Amino acid sequence: MMKNEQVYEMWYEFLKRTDPNDWSVAVKRDFMGVMEQDFEEWFFDAYFKIFSPAALGVAPVRQYSDPGDIRFNSKTDMIIVVDLSRPKDRLMKSIDFLLDLKQPLRKLGRAKFHQLPAKYMFAKRPDIEALKIVLDVHDAKRDHPDWTLWEVGSYLQKLHPILLKQKLNKTDTVAVRTAKQKVLTATFGRYLARAEKIKAGVVKGVFPAA
């Protein structure tokens, strides 16, 4: 699975853990397949309907047969004429050269989060690894409601490399063990609250909730 698909899988997984009766009218209309299909089957159909710019009639590359139909934004668009009789590799090199001239050089560091317009867009930059942890915390507490939060945390440490210094050991003194349990309780309590916040947003078509 492509990494960008994993982001949409997180959207799918969090929505799947909610009650459809809580879904907004729009989410019921656009996401109902979540409850009936596995992710791959659902995503293949859903992407072009609700996540792709094509759903809004907008795409990063657009083809026009009549020049009079061209919709052009002088700030973000560039019009080029492609001679289709030329070899594809030469065309691509020429297009790359034009893009290098027109697009500014990227600054070092984390790239700015950018999304193409779509019917449903991410509320903020999704952190896949963090979302996976939040989801696993939610599922652990759901499947083991009798577990304390520090027990949930101790279990999650087996699935993810998190809070390694707070890992419980048989050699811990009572004081050290108690201190670690307090950290795990506080941390995984926040993860659990985050899961509920995400669920509250996703039923309204907002993901991940801020």
Protein backbone atom coordinates (compact mmCIF):
# COMPACT_ATOMS: atom_id res chain seq x y z
CA MET A 1 0.00 0.00 0.00
CA MET A 2 1.27 3.46 -0.89
CA LYS A 3 2.03 5.71 2.09
CA ASN A 4 -0.51 8.31 0.93
CA GLU A 5 -3.17 5.58 0.89
CA GLN A 6 -2.40 4.86 4.55
CA VAL A 7 -3.59 8.36 5.43
CA TYR A 8 -6.98 7.63 3.91
CA GLU A 9 -7.00 4.25 5.62
CA MET A 10 -6.75 6.07 8.95
CA TRP A 11 -9.80 8.15 7.97
CA TYR A 12 -11.59 4.91 7.09
CA GLU A 13 -10.56 3.13 10.31
CA PHE A 14 -11.61 5.93 12.64
CA LEU A 15 -14.97 6.31 10.90
CA LYS A 16 -15.49 2.55 11.07
CA ARG A 17 -15.27 2.81 14.87
CA THR A 18 -18.20 5.23 15.10
CA ASP A 19 -21.95 4.72 15.09
CA PRO A 20 -23.49 5.53 11.67
CA ASN A 21 -26.46 7.01 13.54
CA ASP A 22 -24.11 9.82 14.61
CA TRP A 23 -22.97 10.59 11.06
CA SER A 24 -23.95 13.85 9.42
CA VAL A 25 -26.24 13.70 6.40
CA ALA A 26 -23.31 14.33 4.05
CA VAL A 27 -21.13 11.63 5.64
CA LYS A 28 -23.99 9.12 5.45
CA ARG A 29 -24.31 9.89 1.76
CA ASP A 30 -20.61 9.82 0.89
CA PHE A 31 -19.08 7.29 3.32
CA MET A 32 -21.69 4.57 3.87
CA GLY A 33 -19.54 2.03 2.02
CA VAL A 34 -17.09 2.14 4.93
CA MET A 35 -19.31 -0.19 6.95
CA GLU A 36 -19.80 -2.69 4.13
CA GLN A 37 -16.47 -2.88 2.32
CA ASP A 38 -12.85 -3.55 3.22
CA PHE A 39 -10.53 -0.61 2.80
CA GLU A 40 -9.07 -1.47 -0.60
CA GLU A 41 -12.48 -2.02 -2.13
CA TRP A 42 -13.90 1.14 -0.59
CA PHE A 43 -10.93 3.37 -1.39
CA PHE A 44 -10.79 2.41 -5.06
CA ASP A 45 -14.26 3.84 -5.54
CA ALA A 46 -14.25 6.57 -2.89
CA TYR A 47 -11.03 8.32 -3.85
CA PHE A 48 -12.30 9.64 -7.18
CA LYS A 49 -15.73 10.49 -5.76
CA ILE A 50 -14.79 12.39 -2.61
CA PHE A 51 -11.00 12.83 -2.26
CA SER A 52 -9.85 13.63 -5.78
CA PRO A 53 -9.82 17.11 -7.35
CA ALA A 54 -11.68 15.48 -10.23
CA ALA A 55 -14.76 15.32 -8.00
CA LEU A 56 -14.88 19.12 -8.13
CA GLY A 57 -14.06 19.31 -11.81
CA VAL A 58 -10.53 20.47 -10.95
CA ALA A 59 -7.30 18.62 -11.69
CA PRO A 60 -3.61 19.57 -11.66
CA VAL A 61 -3.40 18.69 -15.36
CA ARG A 62 -6.38 19.50 -17.53
CA GLN A 63 -7.04 18.85 -21.20
CA TYR A 64 -9.05 21.17 -23.44
CA SER A 65 -10.06 20.57 -27.04
CA ASP A 66 -11.21 24.15 -27.54
CA PRO A 67 -8.89 27.01 -26.43
CA GLY A 68 -11.96 29.07 -25.67
CA ASP A 69 -12.88 26.68 -22.84
CA ILE A 70 -9.62 27.16 -20.96
CA ARG A 71 -10.01 28.19 -17.31
CA PHE A 72 -6.81 29.93 -16.37
CA ASN A 73 -5.48 31.29 -13.07
CA SER A 74 -2.49 33.52 -13.86
CA LYS A 75 -1.12 33.10 -10.31
CA THR A 76 -0.99 29.31 -10.30
CA ASP A 77 -1.41 28.07 -13.90
CA MET A 78 0.85 27.94 -16.92
CA ILE A 79 -0.43 27.28 -20.43
CA ILE A 80 1.78 25.22 -22.70
CA VAL A 81 1.27 23.67 -26.12
CA VAL A 82 2.48 20.09 -26.48
CA ASP A 83 3.48 18.75 -29.89
CA LEU A 84 2.16 15.19 -29.67
CA SER A 85 4.22 14.14 -32.70
CA ARG A 86 7.41 14.38 -30.63
CA PRO A 87 8.81 11.50 -28.52
CA LYS A 88 7.38 11.34 -25.00
CA ASP A 89 10.79 11.43 -23.29
CA ARG A 90 11.71 14.69 -25.06
CA LEU A 91 8.34 16.20 -24.20
CA MET A 92 8.75 15.33 -20.52
CA LYS A 93 12.24 16.85 -20.41
CA SER A 94 10.92 20.05 -21.96
CA ILE A 95 8.02 20.22 -19.49
CA ASP A 96 10.38 19.57 -16.56
CA PHE A 97 12.60 22.40 -17.78
CA LEU A 98 9.64 24.81 -17.93
CA LEU A 99 8.50 23.79 -14.44
CA ASP A 100 11.99 24.36 -13.06
CA LEU A 101 11.91 27.85 -14.49
CA LYS A 102 8.45 28.70 -13.17
CA GLN A 103 8.36 27.01 -9.78
CA PRO A 104 10.42 28.53 -6.95
CA LEU A 105 13.16 26.48 -5.34
CA ARG A 106 12.03 24.57 -2.29
CA LYS A 107 13.51 25.58 1.02
CA LEU A 108 15.25 23.02 3.18
CA GLY A 109 13.30 21.49 6.03
CA ARG A 110 9.84 20.05 6.29
CA ALA A 111 7.79 20.77 3.20
CA LYS A 112 4.73 22.92 3.68
CA PHE A 113 1.57 20.84 3.88
CA HIS A 114 -0.37 21.33 0.67
CA GLN A 115 -3.57 19.72 -0.54
CA LEU A 116 -5.31 19.79 -3.86
CA PRO A 117 -8.94 20.92 -3.63
CA ALA A 118 -11.39 18.07 -3.04
CA LYS A 119 -14.84 17.46 -1.62
CA TYR A 120 -13.24 16.23 1.64
CA MET A 121 -9.85 17.57 2.71
CA PHE A 122 -7.68 16.94 5.75
CA ALA A 123 -8.28 19.39 8.59
CA LYS A 124 -4.51 19.55 9.16
CA ARG A 125 -1.37 17.66 8.20
CA PRO A 126 -2.05 14.02 9.15
CA ASP A 127 0.68 12.23 11.11
CA ILE A 128 0.23 8.59 10.14
CA GLU A 129 2.35 7.10 12.91
CA ALA A 130 0.67 9.20 15.60
CA LEU A 131 -2.77 8.30 14.25
CA LYS A 132 -1.88 4.60 14.35
CA ILE A 133 -0.91 4.90 18.00
CA VAL A 134 -4.13 6.75 18.84
CA LEU A 135 -6.15 4.10 17.02
CA ASP A 136 -4.39 1.26 18.82
CA VAL A 137 -4.96 2.96 22.19
CA HIS A 138 -8.66 3.26 21.37
CA ASP A 139 -8.90 -0.39 20.33
CA ALA A 140 -6.97 -1.67 23.35
CA LYS A 141 -9.27 0.14 25.78
CA ARG A 142 -12.35 -0.92 23.80
CA ASP A 143 -11.30 -4.58 23.79
CA HIS A 144 -10.09 -4.54 27.42
CA PRO A 145 -12.35 -2.07 29.28
CA ASP A 146 -11.08 -3.40 32.62
CA TRP A 147 -7.49 -2.35 31.87
CA THR A 148 -6.16 0.73 33.60
CA LEU A 149 -4.58 3.39 31.40
CA TRP A 150 -1.09 2.39 32.49
CA GLU A 151 -1.88 -1.20 31.50
CA VAL A 152 -3.05 0.06 28.11
CA GLY A 153 0.21 2.00 27.85
CA SER A 154 2.30 -1.01 28.80
CA TYR A 155 0.56 -3.02 26.07
CA LEU A 156 1.04 -0.26 23.46
CA GLN A 157 4.76 -0.20 24.20
CA LYS A 158 4.88 -3.71 22.73
CA LEU A 159 3.37 -2.41 19.49
CA HIS A 160 5.14 0.94 19.15
CA PRO A 161 8.57 2.27 20.23
CA ILE A 162 7.15 4.91 22.57
CA LEU A 163 8.05 6.08 26.08
CA LEU A 164 10.87 3.57 26.23
CA LYS A 165 12.23 5.03 29.47
CA GLN A 166 8.84 4.42 31.08
CA LYS A 167 8.77 0.72 30.26
CA LEU A 168 8.00 -1.34 33.35
CA ASN A 169 10.68 -3.76 34.45
CA LYS A 170 10.65 -6.51 37.04
CA THR A 171 13.66 -4.91 38.70
CA ASP A 172 11.87 -1.57 39.24
CA THR A 173 11.50 -0.47 42.84
CA VAL A 174 7.99 0.34 44.07
CA ALA A 175 8.71 4.06 43.79
CA VAL A 176 10.08 3.79 40.25
CA ARG A 177 7.21 1.56 39.14
CA THR A 178 4.65 3.97 40.61
CA ALA A 179 6.29 6.94 38.90
CA LYS A 180 6.29 5.13 35.53
CA GLN A 181 2.65 4.15 35.94
CA LYS A 182 1.72 7.79 36.56
CA VAL A 183 3.46 8.86 33.33
CA LEU A 184 1.80 6.07 31.35
CA THR A 185 -1.62 6.91 32.82
CA ALA A 186 -1.33 10.59 31.94
CA THR A 187 0.09 10.01 28.45
CA PHE A 188 -2.33 7.33 27.35
CA GLY A 189 -5.23 9.20 28.88
CA ARG A 190 -4.40 11.98 26.42
CA TYR A 191 -4.19 9.48 23.56
CA LEU A 192 -7.61 8.11 24.47
CA ALA A 193 -9.12 11.60 24.65
CA ARG A 194 -7.55 12.34 21.26
CA ALA A 195 -9.21 9.24 19.79
CA GLU A 196 -12.63 10.37 20.99
CA LYS A 197 -12.03 13.85 19.57
CA ILE A 198 -11.08 12.42 16.20
CA LYS A 199 -14.18 10.22 16.19
CA ALA A 200 -16.35 13.23 17.04
CA GLY A 201 -14.91 15.08 14.06
CA VAL A 202 -14.89 12.27 11.51
CA VAL A 203 -18.66 11.73 11.82
CA LYS A 204 -18.99 15.32 10.54
CA GLY A 205 -16.51 14.80 7.70
CA VAL A 206 -13.59 16.44 9.57
CA PHE A 207 -10.34 14.48 9.84
CA PRO A 208 -8.14 14.57 11.77
CA ALA A 209 -9.91 16.80 14.27
CA ALA A 210 -7.71 19.66 15.47
